[in-house]
Amino acid sequence: VGRAALGSNVVGSNNSAFGYLALISNTTGIQNTAVGSNSLVYNTIGAYNVGVGYGSLQFNTTGASNVAIGAYSLYYNTVGTRNTAVGYAALYTNNSGGANSAFGLESLYSNTSGQFNTAVGFESLRQNATGGNNSAFGSYALRNNISGGGNVAIGMGSLQTVNANNNTSVGYSALNANTANANSAFGYKSLFTNTTGTLNSAFGYKALFLNTTGQANNAF
């Protein structure tokens, strides 16, 4: 339904296209659903994809089993598989990354090849490009992480600056300025000013708040 929708389809089956140019390049891909102008425009053999919203999965060619809901969600994805993006421009620049989940406006926006990331909240994991196995829950959580992996951030602004590995942060702005590995912070602004200190554990309201480079500290 719509001008040029599924215009190039040859043997592809069980596809649904609604909107201008939706699935126009599809040739053999099967069981794809495109709703919205420019949705899944360049898909050729990719299968089992769902794109809902203007430009959703627009540049996907062979990627399969992706779900994109929201304008420009998974916009530049080409070969990435098993991604879920819900929200405006979620997973926008993802190209080959797989098994990522992004919920929220511009969540995982800059991801290109990172895998197994989960971002829930406005701009959560926004700058992540290649980092993998990260979990961010809350607006701006892990926002500026680029290549760090194995981080868990729960709370608005939690681990916002990090570009490191294996940190756990629970609480508003906990570990906010951190760039080091293997820290744990639980509580409002705990380890807030920590930058390069490692192996620290902080539990409670503003615990280890002023620590910057100190290592192997425990605060309860």
C-alpha atoms as a PDB file:
ATOM      1  CA  VAL A   1       0.000   0.000   0.000  1.00  0.00           C
ATOM      2  CA  GLY A   2       1.634   3.216  -1.138  1.00  0.00           C
ATOM      3  CA  ARG A   3       3.581   4.433  -4.136  1.00  0.00           C
ATOM      4  CA  ALA A   4       6.329   1.965  -5.171  1.00  0.00           C
ATOM      5  CA  ALA A   5       5.839  -0.176  -2.080  1.00  0.00           C
ATOM      6  CA  LEU A   6       7.469  -3.583  -2.700  1.00  0.00           C
ATOM      7  CA  GLY A   7       8.174  -2.332  -6.238  1.00  0.00           C
ATOM      8  CA  SER A   8      11.126  -4.670  -6.905  1.00  0.00           C
ATOM      9  CA  ASN A   9       9.866  -7.816  -5.232  1.00  0.00           C
ATOM     10  CA  VAL A  10      10.611 -10.948  -7.287  1.00  0.00           C
ATOM     11  CA  VAL A  11      10.175 -14.077  -5.198  1.00  0.00           C
ATOM     12  CA  GLY A  12       9.975 -12.685  -1.662  1.00  0.00           C
ATOM     13  CA  SER A  13       6.873 -13.835   0.159  1.00  0.00           C
ATOM     14  CA  ASN A  14       4.704 -12.919   3.114  1.00  0.00           C
ATOM     15  CA  ASN A  15       5.897  -9.293   3.162  1.00  0.00           C
ATOM     16  CA  SER A  16       3.744  -6.308   4.095  1.00  0.00           C
ATOM     17  CA  ALA A  17       4.534  -2.745   3.044  1.00  0.00           C
ATOM     18  CA  PHE A  18       2.577   0.385   3.905  1.00  0.00           C
ATOM     19  CA  GLY A  19       3.937   3.759   2.824  1.00  0.00           C
ATOM     20  CA  TYR A  20       5.914   5.508   0.118  1.00  0.00           C
ATOM     21  CA  LEU A  21       8.943   3.422  -0.996  1.00  0.00           C
ATOM     22  CA  ALA A  22       8.411   0.925   1.796  1.00  0.00           C
ATOM     23  CA  LEU A  23      10.362  -2.259   0.970  1.00  0.00           C
ATOM     24  CA  ILE A  24      10.827  -0.992  -2.603  1.00  0.00           C
ATOM     25  CA  SER A  25      14.165  -2.817  -3.093  1.00  0.00           C
ATOM     26  CA  ASN A  26      13.083  -6.151  -1.649  1.00  0.00           C
ATOM     27  CA  THR A  27      13.741  -9.059  -4.018  1.00  0.00           C
ATOM     28  CA  THR A  28      13.863 -12.321  -2.072  1.00  0.00           C
ATOM     29  CA  GLY A  29      13.460 -11.267   1.557  1.00  0.00           C
ATOM     30  CA  ILE A  30      10.581 -12.897   3.356  1.00  0.00           C
ATOM     31  CA  GLN A  31       8.214 -12.081   6.195  1.00  0.00           C
ATOM     32  CA  ASN A  32       9.154  -8.416   6.516  1.00  0.00           C
ATOM     33  CA  THR A  33       6.778  -5.708   7.660  1.00  0.00           C
ATOM     34  CA  ALA A  34       7.347  -2.060   6.777  1.00  0.00           C
ATOM     35  CA  VAL A  35       4.983   0.664   7.943  1.00  0.00           C
ATOM     36  CA  GLY A  36       5.851   4.247   7.071  1.00  0.00           C
ATOM     37  CA  SER A  37       7.477   6.173   4.259  1.00  0.00           C
ATOM     38  CA  ASN A  38      11.062   5.067   3.517  1.00  0.00           C
ATOM     39  CA  SER A  39      10.787   2.133   5.860  1.00  0.00           C
ATOM     40  CA  LEU A  40      13.098  -0.765   4.890  1.00  0.00           C
ATOM     41  CA  VAL A  41      13.792   0.986   1.565  1.00  0.00           C
ATOM     42  CA  TYR A  42      17.040  -0.838   0.735  1.00  0.00           C
ATOM     43  CA  ASN A  43      16.153  -4.251   2.100  1.00  0.00           C
ATOM     44  CA  THR A  44      16.879  -6.901  -0.522  1.00  0.00           C
ATOM     45  CA  ILE A  45      17.177 -10.329   1.103  1.00  0.00           C
ATOM     46  CA  GLY A  46      16.817  -9.486   4.794  1.00  0.00           C
ATOM     47  CA  ALA A  47      14.039 -11.432   6.469  1.00  0.00           C
ATOM     48  CA  TYR A  48      11.796 -11.285   9.523  1.00  0.00           C
ATOM     49  CA  ASN A  49      12.266  -7.537  10.025  1.00  0.00           C
ATOM     50  CA  VAL A  50       9.685  -5.085  11.339  1.00  0.00           C
ATOM     51  CA  GLY A  51      10.011  -1.375  10.660  1.00  0.00           C
ATOM     52  CA  VAL A  52       7.369   1.037  11.913  1.00  0.00           C
ATOM     53  CA  GLY A  53       7.939   4.753  11.420  1.00  0.00           C
ATOM     54  CA  TYR A  54       9.455   7.089   8.865  1.00  0.00           C
ATOM     55  CA  GLY A  55      12.888   5.841   7.799  1.00  0.00           C
ATOM     56  CA  SER A  56      12.884   2.911  10.195  1.00  0.00           C
ATOM     57  CA  LEU A  57      15.484   0.333   9.086  1.00  0.00           C
ATOM     58  CA  GLN A  58      15.847   2.408   5.921  1.00  0.00           C
ATOM     59  CA  PHE A  59      19.324   1.163   4.920  1.00  0.00           C
ATOM     60  CA  ASN A  60      18.889  -2.434   6.000  1.00  0.00           C
ATOM     61  CA  THR A  61      19.943  -4.802   3.214  1.00  0.00           C
ATOM     62  CA  THR A  62      20.582  -8.282   4.595  1.00  0.00           C
ATOM     63  CA  GLY A  63      20.047  -7.836   8.334  1.00  0.00           C
ATOM     64  CA  ALA A  64      17.411 -10.146   9.774  1.00  0.00           C
ATOM     65  CA  SER A  65      15.102 -10.413  12.763  1.00  0.00           C
ATOM     66  CA  ASN A  66      15.270  -6.709  13.661  1.00  0.00           C
ATOM     67  CA  VAL A  67      12.454  -4.664  15.163  1.00  0.00           C
ATOM     68  CA  ALA A  68      12.470  -0.890  14.746  1.00  0.00           C
ATOM     69  CA  ILE A  69       9.605   1.220  16.033  1.00  0.00           C
ATOM     70  CA  GLY A  70       9.940   4.974  15.740  1.00  0.00           C
ATOM     71  CA  ALA A  71      11.142   7.428  13.122  1.00  0.00           C
ATOM     72  CA  TYR A  72      14.781   6.803  12.097  1.00  0.00           C
ATOM     73  CA  SER A  73      15.114   3.857  14.453  1.00  0.00           C
ATOM     74  CA  LEU A  74      17.871   1.469  13.266  1.00  0.00           C
ATOM     75  CA  TYR A  75      18.191   3.878  10.341  1.00  0.00           C
ATOM     76  CA  TYR A  76      21.683   2.882   9.142  1.00  0.00           C
ATOM     77  CA  ASN A  77      21.502  -0.794  10.030  1.00  0.00           C
ATOM     78  CA  THR A  78      22.635  -2.889   7.068  1.00  0.00           C
ATOM     79  CA  VAL A  79      23.678  -6.352   8.241  1.00  0.00           C
ATOM     80  CA  GLY A  80      23.044  -6.277  11.998  1.00  0.00           C
ATOM     81  CA  THR A  81      20.657  -8.917  13.304  1.00  0.00           C
ATOM     82  CA  ARG A  82      18.360  -9.463  16.277  1.00  0.00           C
ATOM     83  CA  ASN A  83      18.218  -5.819  17.318  1.00  0.00           C
ATOM     84  CA  THR A  84      15.253  -4.102  18.922  1.00  0.00           C
ATOM     85  CA  ALA A  85      14.908  -0.321  18.770  1.00  0.00           C
ATOM     86  CA  VAL A  86      11.921   1.551  20.161  1.00  0.00           C
ATOM     87  CA  GLY A  87      11.981   5.336  20.082  1.00  0.00           C
ATOM     88  CA  TYR A  88      13.021   8.168  17.799  1.00  0.00           C
ATOM     89  CA  ALA A  89      16.496   7.468  16.329  1.00  0.00           C
ATOM     90  CA  ALA A  90      17.125   4.566  18.698  1.00  0.00           C
ATOM     91  CA  LEU A  91      20.155   2.568  17.445  1.00  0.00           C
ATOM     92  CA  TYR A  92      20.347   5.159  14.659  1.00  0.00           C
ATOM     93  CA  THR A  93      23.883   4.458  13.360  1.00  0.00           C
ATOM     94  CA  ASN A  94      23.963   0.745  14.107  1.00  0.00           C
ATOM     95  CA  ASN A  95      25.526  -1.070  11.180  1.00  0.00           C
ATOM     96  CA  SER A  96      26.652  -4.563  12.114  1.00  0.00           C
ATOM     97  CA  GLY A  97      25.950  -4.726  15.834  1.00  0.00           C
ATOM     98  CA  GLY A  98      23.630  -7.512  16.903  1.00  0.00           C
ATOM     99  CA  ALA A  99      21.400  -8.512  19.787  1.00  0.00           C
ATOM    100  CA  ASN A 100      21.041  -4.951  21.099  1.00  0.00           C
ATOM    101  CA  SER A 101      17.926  -3.558  22.764  1.00  0.00           C
ATOM    102  CA  ALA A 102      17.261   0.176  22.865  1.00  0.00           C
ATOM    103  CA  PHE A 103      14.180   1.788  24.367  1.00  0.00           C
ATOM    104  CA  GLY A 104      14.011   5.570  24.461  1.00  0.00           C
ATOM    105  CA  LEU A 105      14.757   8.578  22.312  1.00  0.00           C
ATOM    106  CA  GLU A 106      18.304   8.321  20.877  1.00  0.00           C
ATOM    107  CA  SER A 107      19.174   5.390  23.097  1.00  0.00           C
ATOM    108  CA  LEU A 108      22.255   3.579  21.713  1.00  0.00           C
ATOM    109  CA  TYR A 109      22.201   6.257  19.009  1.00  0.00           C
ATOM    110  CA  SER A 110      25.886   5.976  17.990  1.00  0.00           C
ATOM    111  CA  ASN A 111      26.222   2.217  18.210  1.00  0.00           C
ATOM    112  CA  THR A 112      27.900   0.718  15.140  1.00  0.00           C
ATOM    113  CA  SER A 113      29.194  -2.750  15.968  1.00  0.00           C
ATOM    114  CA  GLY A 114      28.606  -3.158  19.709  1.00  0.00           C
ATOM    115  CA  GLN A 115      26.644  -6.240  20.702  1.00  0.00           C
ATOM    116  CA  PHE A 116      24.482  -7.475  23.555  1.00  0.00           C
ATOM    117  CA  ASN A 117      23.768  -4.000  24.931  1.00  0.00           C
ATOM    118  CA  THR A 118      20.564  -2.974  26.674  1.00  0.00           C
ATOM    119  CA  ALA A 119      19.601   0.691  26.963  1.00  0.00           C
ATOM    120  CA  VAL A 120      16.389   1.910  28.543  1.00  0.00           C
ATOM    121  CA  GLY A 121      15.858   5.653  28.904  1.00  0.00           C
ATOM    122  CA  PHE A 122      16.432   8.954  27.138  1.00  0.00           C
ATOM    123  CA  GLU A 123      19.937   9.000  25.569  1.00  0.00           C
ATOM    124  CA  SER A 124      21.027   5.981  27.564  1.00  0.00           C
ATOM    125  CA  LEU A 125      24.254   4.555  26.076  1.00  0.00           C
ATOM    126  CA  ARG A 126      23.928   7.276  23.432  1.00  0.00           C
ATOM    127  CA  GLN A 127      27.616   7.493  22.471  1.00  0.00           C
ATOM    128  CA  ASN A 128      28.316   3.776  22.631  1.00  0.00           C
ATOM    129  CA  ALA A 129      29.902   2.636  19.375  1.00  0.00           C
ATOM    130  CA  THR A 130      31.730  -0.648  19.899  1.00  0.00           C
ATOM    131  CA  GLY A 131      31.220  -1.454  23.571  1.00  0.00           C
ATOM    132  CA  GLY A 132      29.388  -4.677  24.353  1.00  0.00           C
ATOM    133  CA  ASN A 133      27.523  -6.366  27.177  1.00  0.00           C
ATOM    134  CA  ASN A 134      26.449  -3.088  28.790  1.00  0.00           C
ATOM    135  CA  SER A 135      23.159  -2.471  30.579  1.00  0.00           C
ATOM    136  CA  ALA A 136      21.831   1.045  31.155  1.00  0.00           C
ATOM    137  CA  PHE A 137      18.541   1.915  32.804  1.00  0.00           C
ATOM    138  CA  GLY A 138      17.637   5.583  33.210  1.00  0.00           C
ATOM    139  CA  SER A 139      18.033   8.823  31.297  1.00  0.00           C
ATOM    140  CA  TYR A 140      21.692   9.544  30.423  1.00  0.00           C
ATOM    141  CA  ALA A 141      22.817   6.286  32.027  1.00  0.00           C
ATOM    142  CA  LEU A 142      26.170   5.282  30.492  1.00  0.00           C
ATOM    143  CA  ARG A 143      25.567   8.111  28.020  1.00  0.00           C
ATOM    144  CA  ASN A 144      29.180   8.807  27.036  1.00  0.00           C
ATOM    145  CA  ASN A 145      30.494   5.271  27.000  1.00  0.00           C
ATOM    146  CA  ILE A 146      32.124   4.506  23.643  1.00  0.00           C
ATOM    147  CA  SER A 147      33.987   1.219  23.834  1.00  0.00           C
ATOM    148  CA  GLY A 148      33.700   0.068  27.447  1.00  0.00           C
ATOM    149  CA  GLY A 149      32.062  -3.271  28.141  1.00  0.00           C
ATOM    150  CA  GLY A 150      30.459  -5.211  30.939  1.00  0.00           C
ATOM    151  CA  ASN A 151      29.027  -2.146  32.715  1.00  0.00           C
ATOM    152  CA  VAL A 152      25.738  -1.926  34.584  1.00  0.00           C
ATOM    153  CA  ALA A 153      24.180   1.474  35.288  1.00  0.00           C
ATOM    154  CA  ILE A 154      20.811   1.989  36.944  1.00  0.00           C
ATOM    155  CA  GLY A 155      19.585   5.511  37.607  1.00  0.00           C
ATOM    156  CA  MET A 156      19.556   8.866  35.872  1.00  0.00           C
ATOM    157  CA  GLY A 157      23.105   9.945  34.987  1.00  0.00           C
ATOM    158  CA  SER A 158      24.559   6.779  36.423  1.00  0.00           C
ATOM    159  CA  LEU A 159      28.039   6.071  34.977  1.00  0.00           C
ATOM    160  CA  GLN A 160      27.362   8.913  32.567  1.00  0.00           C
ATOM    161  CA  THR A 161      31.008   9.623  31.657  1.00  0.00           C
ATOM    162  CA  VAL A 162      32.447   6.120  31.753  1.00  0.00           C
ATOM    163  CA  ASN A 163      34.500   4.655  28.927  1.00  0.00           C
ATOM    164  CA  ALA A 164      35.755   1.739  30.946  1.00  0.00           C
ATOM    165  CA  ASN A 165      34.888  -1.841  31.851  1.00  0.00           C
ATOM    166  CA  ASN A 166      33.121  -3.892  34.490  1.00  0.00           C
ATOM    167  CA  ASN A 167      31.611  -1.128  36.625  1.00  0.00           C
ATOM    168  CA  THR A 168      28.340  -1.376  38.520  1.00  0.00           C
ATOM    169  CA  SER A 169      26.432   1.746  39.460  1.00  0.00           C
ATOM    170  CA  VAL A 170      23.010   1.993  41.093  1.00  0.00           C
ATOM    171  CA  GLY A 171      21.602   5.386  42.014  1.00  0.00           C
ATOM    172  CA  TYR A 172      21.193   8.902  40.684  1.00  0.00           C
ATOM    173  CA  SER A 173      24.523  10.117  39.229  1.00  0.00           C
ATOM    174  CA  ALA A 174      26.464   7.353  40.931  1.00  0.00           C
ATOM    175  CA  LEU A 175      29.990   7.041  39.462  1.00  0.00           C
ATOM    176  CA  ASN A 176      29.041  10.013  37.295  1.00  0.00           C
ATOM    177  CA  ALA A 177      32.581  11.053  36.294  1.00  0.00           C
ATOM    178  CA  ASN A 178      34.177   7.616  36.334  1.00  0.00           C
ATOM    179  CA  THR A 179      36.632   6.551  33.608  1.00  0.00           C
ATOM    180  CA  ALA A 180      38.214   3.590  35.448  1.00  0.00           C
ATOM    181  CA  ASN A 181      37.496  -0.129  35.683  1.00  0.00           C
ATOM    182  CA  ALA A 182      35.942  -2.374  38.302  1.00  0.00           C
ATOM    183  CA  ASN A 183      34.138   0.027  40.652  1.00  0.00           C
ATOM    184  CA  SER A 184      30.841  -0.533  42.440  1.00  0.00           C
ATOM    185  CA  ALA A 185      28.591   2.257  43.657  1.00  0.00           C
ATOM    186  CA  PHE A 186      25.194   1.929  45.291  1.00  0.00           C
ATOM    187  CA  GLY A 187      23.408   5.080  46.409  1.00  0.00           C
ATOM    188  CA  TYR A 188      22.706   8.690  45.459  1.00  0.00           C
ATOM    189  CA  LYS A 189      25.883  10.248  44.004  1.00  0.00           C
ATOM    190  CA  SER A 190      28.082   7.570  45.503  1.00  0.00           C
ATOM    191  CA  LEU A 191      31.622   7.750  44.057  1.00  0.00           C
ATOM    192  CA  PHE A 192      30.339  10.823  42.219  1.00  0.00           C
ATOM    193  CA  THR A 193      33.723  12.451  41.512  1.00  0.00           C
ATOM    194  CA  ASN A 194      35.735   9.274  40.986  1.00  0.00           C
ATOM    195  CA  THR A 195      37.762   9.476  37.782  1.00  0.00           C
ATOM    196  CA  THR A 196      40.621   6.944  37.648  1.00  0.00           C
ATOM    197  CA  GLY A 197      40.329   5.166  40.986  1.00  0.00           C
ATOM    198  CA  THR A 198      39.704   1.424  40.658  1.00  0.00           C
ATOM    199  CA  LEU A 199      38.422  -1.441  42.785  1.00  0.00           C
ATOM    200  CA  ASN A 200      36.310   0.847  44.972  1.00  0.00           C
ATOM    201  CA  SER A 201      33.017  -0.093  46.609  1.00  0.00           C
ATOM    202  CA  ALA A 202      30.624   2.528  47.934  1.00  0.00           C
ATOM    203  CA  PHE A 203      27.273   1.924  49.602  1.00  0.00           C
ATOM    204  CA  GLY A 204      25.008   4.745  50.707  1.00  0.00           C
ATOM    205  CA  TYR A 205      24.148   8.407  50.161  1.00  0.00           C
ATOM    206  CA  LYS A 206      27.200  10.180  48.673  1.00  0.00           C
ATOM    207  CA  ALA A 207      29.501   7.400  49.835  1.00  0.00           C
ATOM    208  CA  LEU A 208      33.099   8.079  48.707  1.00  0.00           C
ATOM    209  CA  PHE A 209      31.711  11.240  47.085  1.00  0.00           C
ATOM    210  CA  LEU A 210      35.069  13.069  46.888  1.00  0.00           C
ATOM    211  CA  ASN A 211      37.229  10.119  45.906  1.00  0.00           C
ATOM    212  CA  THR A 212      38.924  10.773  42.573  1.00  0.00           C
ATOM    213  CA  THR A 213      41.968   8.524  42.137  1.00  0.00           C
ATOM    214  CA  GLY A 214      41.986   6.430  45.311  1.00  0.00           C
ATOM    215  CA  GLN A 215      41.894   2.669  44.898  1.00  0.00           C
ATOM    216  CA  ALA A 216      40.540  -0.378  46.716  1.00  0.00           C
ATOM    217  CA  ASN A 217      38.378   1.618  49.147  1.00  0.00           C
ATOM    218  CA  ASN A 218      35.239   0.316  50.851  1.00  0.00           C
ATOM    219  CA  ALA A 219      32.600   2.632  52.268  1.00  0.00           C
ATOM    220  CA  PHE A 220      29.456   1.455  54.006  1.00  0.00           C
END
